[in-house]
Protein backbone atom coordinates (compact mmCIF):
# COMPACT_ATOMS: atom_id res chain seq x y z
CA MET A 1 6.65 4.90 -18.40
CA ARG A 2 8.54 3.24 -15.54
CA PRO A 3 7.76 4.67 -12.05
CA ASP A 4 10.61 6.18 -10.07
CA PRO A 5 11.46 4.01 -7.06
CA SER A 6 10.49 5.19 -3.62
CA PRO A 7 10.74 3.44 -0.24
CA LEU A 8 6.98 2.86 -0.08
CA HIS A 9 6.64 1.71 -3.69
CA SER A 10 9.66 -0.60 -3.49
CA ARG A 11 8.94 -2.01 -0.05
CA PHE A 12 5.25 -2.71 -0.64
CA ASN A 13 5.49 -4.03 -4.19
CA GLY A 14 8.69 -5.97 -3.52
CA PHE A 15 7.15 -7.81 -0.58
CA CYS A 16 3.92 -8.57 -2.45
CA LEU A 17 5.83 -9.79 -5.50
CA GLY A 18 7.86 -12.14 -3.33
CA ALA A 19 4.77 -13.38 -1.49
CA PHE A 20 3.00 -14.07 -4.79
CA LEU A 21 6.02 -15.94 -6.13
CA GLY A 22 6.66 -17.93 -2.95
CA GLY A 23 2.98 -18.62 -2.32
CA GLY A 24 2.02 -19.15 -5.95
CA GLN A 25 4.02 -22.35 -6.27
CA GLN A 26 2.20 -23.98 -3.32
CA LEU A 27 -0.79 -26.28 -3.83
CA LEU A 28 -3.01 -24.05 -1.70
CA SER A 29 -2.74 -21.32 -4.34
CA ALA A 30 -3.22 -23.55 -7.39
CA PRO A 31 -6.87 -22.56 -8.03
CA ARG A 32 -5.87 -18.89 -8.18
CA TYR A 33 -2.61 -19.36 -10.05
CA PRO A 34 -3.83 -17.72 -13.32
CA ALA A 35 -4.74 -14.55 -11.40
CA ILE A 36 -1.45 -14.69 -9.47
CA ARG A 37 0.51 -15.06 -12.70
CA ARG A 38 -1.39 -12.20 -14.34
CA ARG A 39 -0.77 -9.86 -11.39
CA VAL A 40 2.95 -10.68 -11.32
CA HIS A 41 3.17 -9.95 -15.05
CA GLU A 42 1.35 -6.64 -14.62
CA PHE A 43 3.88 -5.49 -12.04
CA LEU A 44 6.88 -6.74 -14.02
CA ASP A 45 5.60 -4.80 -17.02
CA GLU A 46 5.21 -1.76 -14.78
CA ILE A 47 8.88 -1.82 -13.76
CA GLY A 48 10.22 -2.98 -17.12
CA ILE A 49 11.29 -6.57 -16.42
CA ASP A 50 10.69 -8.96 -19.32
CA LEU A 51 10.15 -12.22 -17.44
CA ARG A 52 7.17 -14.56 -17.74
CA LEU A 53 5.94 -17.34 -15.47
CA PRO A 54 4.87 -20.71 -16.90
CA VAL A 55 1.20 -21.06 -17.80
CA ARG A 56 0.72 -24.12 -15.60
CA GLN A 57 1.17 -23.95 -11.83
CA HIS A 58 2.91 -27.31 -11.52
CA GLU A 59 5.54 -26.22 -14.05
CA PHE A 60 6.07 -22.99 -12.12
CA ALA A 61 6.54 -25.00 -8.91
CA THR A 62 9.13 -27.20 -10.63
CA ARG A 63 11.04 -24.25 -12.06
CA TYR A 64 10.63 -22.01 -9.01
CA PRO A 65 14.28 -22.05 -7.80
CA SER A 66 15.74 -21.01 -11.17
CA LEU A 67 12.97 -18.50 -11.90
CA MET A 68 13.39 -16.93 -8.46
CA SER A 69 17.14 -16.62 -8.99
CA THR A 70 16.57 -14.86 -12.32
CA MET A 71 13.93 -12.61 -10.75
CA MET A 72 16.16 -11.59 -7.87
CA SER A 73 19.03 -10.73 -10.21
CA ALA A 74 16.74 -8.52 -12.27
CA LEU A 75 15.37 -6.80 -9.16
CA ARG A 76 18.84 -6.21 -7.75
CA SER A 77 19.70 -4.20 -10.85
CA ARG A 78 16.56 -2.08 -10.39
CA ASP A 79 16.51 -1.20 -6.69
CA ALA A 80 18.09 -2.64 -3.52
CA GLU A 81 14.95 -2.27 -1.40
CA LEU A 82 12.74 -3.87 -4.04
CA HIS A 83 15.19 -6.77 -4.15
CA ALA A 84 15.39 -7.20 -0.37
CA CYS A 85 11.64 -7.02 0.21
CA CYS A 86 10.92 -9.51 -2.56
CA GLY A 87 13.18 -11.98 -0.75
CA ILE A 88 11.45 -11.31 2.57
CA GLY A 89 8.00 -11.71 1.03
CA ALA A 90 8.93 -15.02 -0.60
CA MET A 91 10.45 -16.29 2.65
CA ALA A 92 7.34 -15.30 4.60
CA ALA A 93 4.94 -17.03 2.19
CA LEU A 94 7.07 -20.18 2.00
CA LEU A 95 7.38 -20.36 5.78
CA ALA A 96 3.65 -19.80 6.28
CA GLY A 97 2.75 -22.44 3.70
CA GLY A 98 5.17 -25.07 5.00
CA PHE A 99 5.36 -24.18 8.68
CA ALA A 100 4.32 -27.64 9.88
CA GLY A 101 7.33 -29.17 8.17
CA THR A 102 9.92 -26.84 9.69
CA SER A 103 12.04 -27.55 12.74
CA PRO A 104 13.24 -25.05 15.36
CA LYS A 105 16.71 -25.33 13.81
CA MET A 106 15.38 -24.43 10.37
CA ARG A 107 13.55 -21.42 11.81
CA ASP A 108 16.68 -20.32 13.64
CA ASP A 109 18.61 -20.49 10.38
CA LEU A 110 15.96 -18.35 8.70
CA ARG A 111 16.18 -15.81 11.52
CA ASP A 112 19.95 -15.61 11.11
CA ARG A 113 19.53 -15.14 7.35
CA TRP A 114 16.79 -12.47 7.39
CA GLN A 115 17.14 -10.60 10.67
CA PRO A 116 19.96 -8.36 9.32
CA GLU A 117 17.77 -7.40 6.35
CA LEU A 118 14.80 -6.68 8.61
CA LYS A 119 17.03 -4.58 10.86
CA ARG A 120 18.33 -2.62 7.87
CA LEU A 121 14.70 -1.90 6.92
CA GLY A 122 13.99 -0.44 10.36
CA LEU A 123 12.50 -3.42 12.20
CA GLY A 124 13.77 -4.47 15.61
CA PRO A 125 15.29 -7.88 16.35
CA GLU A 126 11.94 -9.15 17.61
CA ALA A 127 10.20 -8.77 14.23
CA PHE A 128 11.06 -12.21 12.91
CA ASP A 129 10.29 -13.92 16.23
CA ARG A 130 6.94 -12.14 16.41
CA PHE A 131 6.08 -13.36 12.90
CA VAL A 132 7.07 -16.96 13.74
CA GLY A 133 5.11 -16.75 17.01
CA ARG A 134 1.96 -15.74 15.14
CA LEU A 135 2.47 -18.61 12.70
CA ALA A 136 2.94 -21.10 15.55
CA GLU A 137 -0.23 -19.91 17.27
CA THR A 138 -2.28 -19.99 14.06
CA ALA A 139 -0.92 -23.41 13.08
CA ARG A 140 -2.81 -24.96 16.01
CA SER A 141 -6.07 -24.30 14.18
CA GLY A 142 -4.95 -26.14 11.06
CA ASP A 143 -6.36 -23.28 8.95
CA ALA A 144 -4.03 -22.90 5.95
CA VAL A 145 -5.71 -19.69 4.76
CA ALA A 146 -5.25 -18.10 8.19
CA MET A 147 -1.56 -19.04 8.02
CA ILE A 148 -1.18 -17.10 4.75
CA SER A 149 -2.96 -14.14 6.36
CA GLN A 150 -0.10 -13.82 8.86
CA VAL A 151 2.22 -12.95 5.96
CA TYR A 152 0.51 -9.58 5.60
CA LEU A 153 1.08 -8.72 9.24
CA LEU A 154 4.81 -8.87 8.51
CA LEU A 155 4.19 -6.54 5.56
CA ALA A 156 2.35 -4.13 7.86
CA ASP A 157 5.39 -4.21 10.16
CA LEU A 158 7.63 -3.35 7.20
CA LEU A 159 5.50 -0.33 6.33
CA GLN A 160 5.46 1.10 9.86
CA PRO A 161 8.94 2.74 9.85
CA LEU A 162 8.23 4.62 6.60
CA PRO A 163 7.17 8.27 6.56
CA ALA A 164 4.32 9.47 4.39
CA GLU A 165 5.31 10.19 0.78
CA PRO A 166 4.05 13.49 -0.66
CA ASP A 167 4.12 12.24 -4.26
CA THR A 168 2.58 8.75 -3.99
CA CYS A 169 -1.11 8.12 -4.72
CA PHE A 170 -2.92 4.89 -3.85
CA VAL A 171 -5.31 3.68 -6.55
CA ALA A 172 -8.44 2.02 -5.14
CA MET A 173 -9.94 -0.23 -7.81
CA PRO A 174 -11.36 -3.73 -8.27
CA PHE A 175 -8.74 -6.36 -9.10
CA ARG A 176 -10.55 -7.58 -12.21
CA GLN A 177 -10.63 -6.22 -15.74
CA PRO A 178 -11.15 -3.67 -17.16
CA TYR A 179 -9.68 -1.86 -14.15
CA ALA A 180 -6.30 -3.60 -14.21
CA GLY A 181 -5.85 -2.41 -17.80
CA GLN A 182 -7.03 1.06 -16.87
CA PHE A 183 -4.37 1.27 -14.19
CA CYS A 184 -1.63 0.93 -16.81
CA ARG A 185 -3.30 2.98 -19.54
CA TRP A 186 -5.22 5.69 -17.67
CA TYR A 187 -4.86 6.01 -13.89
CA ARG A 188 -1.08 5.67 -13.70
CA PRO A 189 -0.12 7.92 -16.66
CA ALA A 190 -2.61 10.59 -15.58
CA LEU A 191 -1.28 10.55 -12.03
CA ALA A 192 2.29 10.73 -13.33
CA ARG A 193 1.38 13.76 -15.40
CA ALA A 194 -0.03 15.38 -12.25
CA GLY A 195 3.19 14.61 -10.35
CA PHE A 196 2.20 11.42 -8.50
CA ARG A 197 3.60 7.91 -8.35
CA ALA A 198 0.77 5.34 -8.48
CA ILE A 199 0.56 2.32 -6.19
CA ARG A 200 -2.19 -0.29 -5.91
CA ALA A 201 -3.01 -3.41 -3.89
CA TRP A 202 -2.22 -6.93 -5.11
CA GLY A 203 -5.23 -9.01 -4.09
CA GLY A 204 -4.77 -12.39 -2.45
CA LEU A 205 -3.07 -15.74 -2.92
CA THR A 206 -6.18 -17.52 -1.67
CA ASP A 207 -9.05 -16.16 0.40
CA GLU A 208 -6.75 -14.79 3.10
CA GLU A 209 -7.24 -11.54 4.97
CA TYR A 210 -4.95 -8.90 3.50
CA TYR A 211 -6.62 -5.94 5.23
CA PRO A 212 -3.87 -5.38 7.88
CA PHE A 213 -1.55 -3.55 5.49
CA ILE A 214 -4.16 -1.40 3.69
CA ALA A 215 -4.59 1.19 6.44
CA PRO A 216 -0.83 1.80 6.99
CA LEU A 217 -0.31 1.85 3.23
CA ILE A 218 -2.97 4.49 2.61
CA ALA A 219 -1.77 6.52 5.60
CA ARG A 220 1.66 6.76 3.95
CA CYS A 221 0.26 8.00 0.62
CA ALA A 222 -0.46 11.61 -0.15
CA ALA A 223 -3.80 10.89 -1.84
CA VAL A 224 -6.17 8.20 -3.11
CA LEU A 225 -7.67 7.87 -6.58
CA ALA A 226 -10.77 5.66 -6.40
CA ASP A 227 -12.88 4.21 -9.21
CA LEU A 228 -16.45 3.87 -7.93
CA SER A 229 -17.88 2.28 -11.09
CA ALA A 230 -18.23 -1.29 -9.79
CA ARG A 231 -19.61 -0.32 -6.36
CA ASN A 232 -16.89 -2.52 -4.92
CA LEU A 233 -16.94 -2.75 -1.12
CA ASN A 234 -13.15 -2.84 -0.88
CA VAL A 235 -12.95 0.40 -2.85
CA ALA A 236 -15.58 2.01 -0.61
CA ASN A 237 -13.64 0.91 2.46
CA GLU A 238 -10.40 2.33 1.05
CA VAL A 239 -12.11 5.67 0.38
CA GLY A 240 -13.24 5.65 4.01
CA LEU A 241 -9.71 4.94 5.19
CA ALA A 242 -8.45 7.83 3.06
CA HIS A 243 -10.99 10.21 4.56
CA GLY A 244 -10.06 9.01 8.04
CA ALA A 245 -6.38 9.66 7.29
CA ASN A 246 -7.21 13.12 5.88
CA CYS A 247 -5.98 12.10 2.42
CA PRO A 248 -7.63 13.88 -0.51
CA THR A 249 -9.59 11.54 -2.76
CA PHE A 250 -9.84 11.83 -6.54
CA LEU A 251 -13.09 10.03 -7.40
CA VAL A 252 -13.96 8.72 -10.87
CA ILE A 253 -16.91 6.71 -12.20
CA ARG A 254 -18.01 5.38 -15.58
CA ALA A 255 -20.59 7.42 -17.46
CA ASP A 256 -22.96 4.42 -17.59
CA ALA A 257 -22.50 3.33 -13.96
CA GLY A 258 -25.49 5.18 -12.59
CA PRO A 259 -25.42 7.38 -9.49
CA PRO A 260 -22.47 7.08 -7.10
CA PRO A 261 -22.95 5.82 -3.51
CA SER A 262 -25.19 8.24 -1.66
CA ASN A 263 -22.63 9.16 1.00
CA LEU A 264 -20.19 10.23 -1.74
CA ALA A 265 -22.67 11.79 -4.15
CA ASP A 266 -22.07 15.35 -2.94
CA LEU A 267 -18.34 15.15 -3.70
CA LEU A 268 -16.91 16.16 -7.05
CA ILE A 269 -16.63 13.03 -9.22
CA LEU A 270 -15.14 12.75 -12.70
CA ARG A 271 -17.25 10.69 -15.13
CA TYR A 272 -15.51 8.90 -17.99
CA ASP A 273 -16.80 7.15 -21.09
CA ARG A 274 -14.92 4.07 -22.27
CA LYS A 275 -16.87 4.14 -25.56
CA LEU A 276 -15.36 7.40 -26.79
CA PRO A 277 -12.85 7.10 -29.67
CA GLY A 278 -9.27 7.06 -28.46
CA TRP A 279 -10.17 6.34 -24.85
CA PRO A 280 -8.29 6.18 -22.49
CA GLU A 281 -5.21 7.74 -24.11
CA ASN A 282 -7.16 10.82 -25.20
CA ASP A 283 -8.57 11.23 -21.70
CA ILE A 284 -5.31 11.20 -19.74
CA ASP A 285 -5.01 14.99 -19.73
CA ARG A 286 -8.56 15.44 -18.43
CA LEU A 287 -7.96 13.10 -15.48
CA SER A 288 -4.58 14.70 -14.82
CA GLU A 289 -6.15 18.17 -14.70
CA PHE A 290 -8.90 16.88 -12.39
CA VAL A 291 -6.28 15.44 -10.01
CA ASP A 292 -4.16 18.59 -10.16
CA LEU A 293 -7.13 20.85 -9.41
CA HIS A 294 -8.17 18.84 -6.37
CA TRP A 295 -4.62 18.58 -5.10
CA ARG A 296 -4.05 22.33 -5.33
CA GLU A 297 -7.32 23.00 -3.49
CA TYR A 298 -6.34 20.51 -0.79
CA VAL A 299 -2.89 22.09 -0.31
CA ALA A 300 -4.47 25.55 -0.21
CA SER A 301 -6.85 24.37 2.53
CA LEU A 302 -3.93 23.08 4.59
CA THR A 303 -2.04 26.36 4.31
CA HIS A 304 -5.03 28.59 5.02
CA GLU A 305 -4.09 30.74 7.99
CA ALA A 306 -7.33 30.24 9.90
CA LEU A 307 -7.16 26.45 9.60
CA ILE A 308 -3.57 26.41 10.83
CA HIS A 309 -4.52 28.62 13.78
CA ASP A 310 -7.50 26.40 14.73
CA ALA A 311 -5.49 23.18 14.48
CA ALA A 312 -2.64 24.66 16.55
CA HIS A 313 -5.09 25.92 19.16
CA ARG A 314 -6.70 22.46 19.53
CA LEU A 315 -3.30 20.79 19.83
CA LEU A 316 -2.22 23.36 22.42
CA GLN A 317 -5.32 22.63 24.49
CA MET A 318 -4.68 18.87 24.41
CA LEU A 319 -1.02 19.23 25.38
CA ARG A 320 -1.78 21.54 28.28
CA ALA A 321 -4.63 19.34 29.50
CA ALA A 322 -2.22 16.39 29.51
CA GLY A 323 0.47 18.42 31.27
CA GLU A 324 2.87 18.01 28.36
CA GLN A 325 5.57 20.43 27.24
CA VAL A 326 4.37 22.90 24.59
CA PRO A 327 6.89 23.82 21.86
CA ASP A 328 7.56 27.54 21.49
CA GLY A 329 6.38 27.56 17.88
CA LEU A 330 2.98 26.14 18.81
CA TRP A 331 2.22 29.09 21.11
CA GLN A 332 2.90 31.40 18.18
CA LEU A 333 0.77 29.41 15.71
CA ALA A 334 -2.11 29.28 18.21
CA ARG A 335 -1.73 33.05 18.87
CA VAL A 336 -1.69 32.43 22.62
CA ASP A 337 0.77 33.99 25.07
CA PRO A 338 2.53 31.39 27.25
CA PRO A 339 1.78 31.54 30.98
CA ALA A 340 4.17 33.67 32.99
CA GLY A 341 5.27 30.71 35.09
CA GLY A 342 6.31 28.39 32.26
CA ARG A 343 5.41 26.73 28.98
CA SER A 344 4.02 23.36 30.02
CA ALA A 345 0.97 22.43 32.08
CA GLY A 346 -1.45 25.05 33.28
CA GLU A 347 -4.96 26.32 32.83
CA GLY A 348 -6.68 25.58 29.53
CA ALA A 349 -5.71 27.86 26.66
């Protein structure tokens, strides 16, 4: 089942695909090339593109120009934003990996090539220069891994203009098996049945820091499904980010994984058993129903009259304390009469 494109899904996955392709053919990424290749294949399978990278990294590096041309043609036929962001991601990874060998003229040419695309995606004319400036500053340290980390700051910039999507769910899971297989066979189809588009992180090209984009990504999702089975610290952090962003979390854990983390133990958690016959296909409905139940309860809590009144009243107090203009509708939601002299600053509500 191929996911419907959305700005968040296309922009995030397109950029990461490009970064993995552009970075994967560099020597720095050679030790992790099998994992890079596997992750690229997982995403291509997800969107229905039958293209495979060479088994050996040096062969991929040799064939990179022709493979990238084929990839971009396939992406163009799928979705314009996926295509554009893949190109930007590849450019960013290539520039970060080879920055020392570029001249100001080469960087100016890259700006001329990519600035119109970045502008079309909602970034100002300074976005490319800011990225290059960060690379130039980091290059002084000679830390190649830190250079690759700057790539993800450009991704975070690309996510900033996007609104939250009410039908996209981030899946927090370890990058290793069996969870990668479960994404395709259990998490994603169950979420689709509950009305959500699934999106997940990509991991890293090396040991770089890819945290900068996780918070803006989760903040633009409607919910988070998290598998707690491996007690993975990244998963725990992503659950925390979801709670901080007021995103509902759908928590699952293997039947044989023992108790969940103590600070999550009081939440409702779905246990699953990989040893049952027909798992996971026969368990898709159960997870879908679990997600749907939690989502409906979350929506009901948001539309509860008392909660709306309390939230409006707090916002009204903050606006008046700051001397800001108060919209007419907020007075009504907070059930407070506006002051006789006006609708902006005044005594506390």
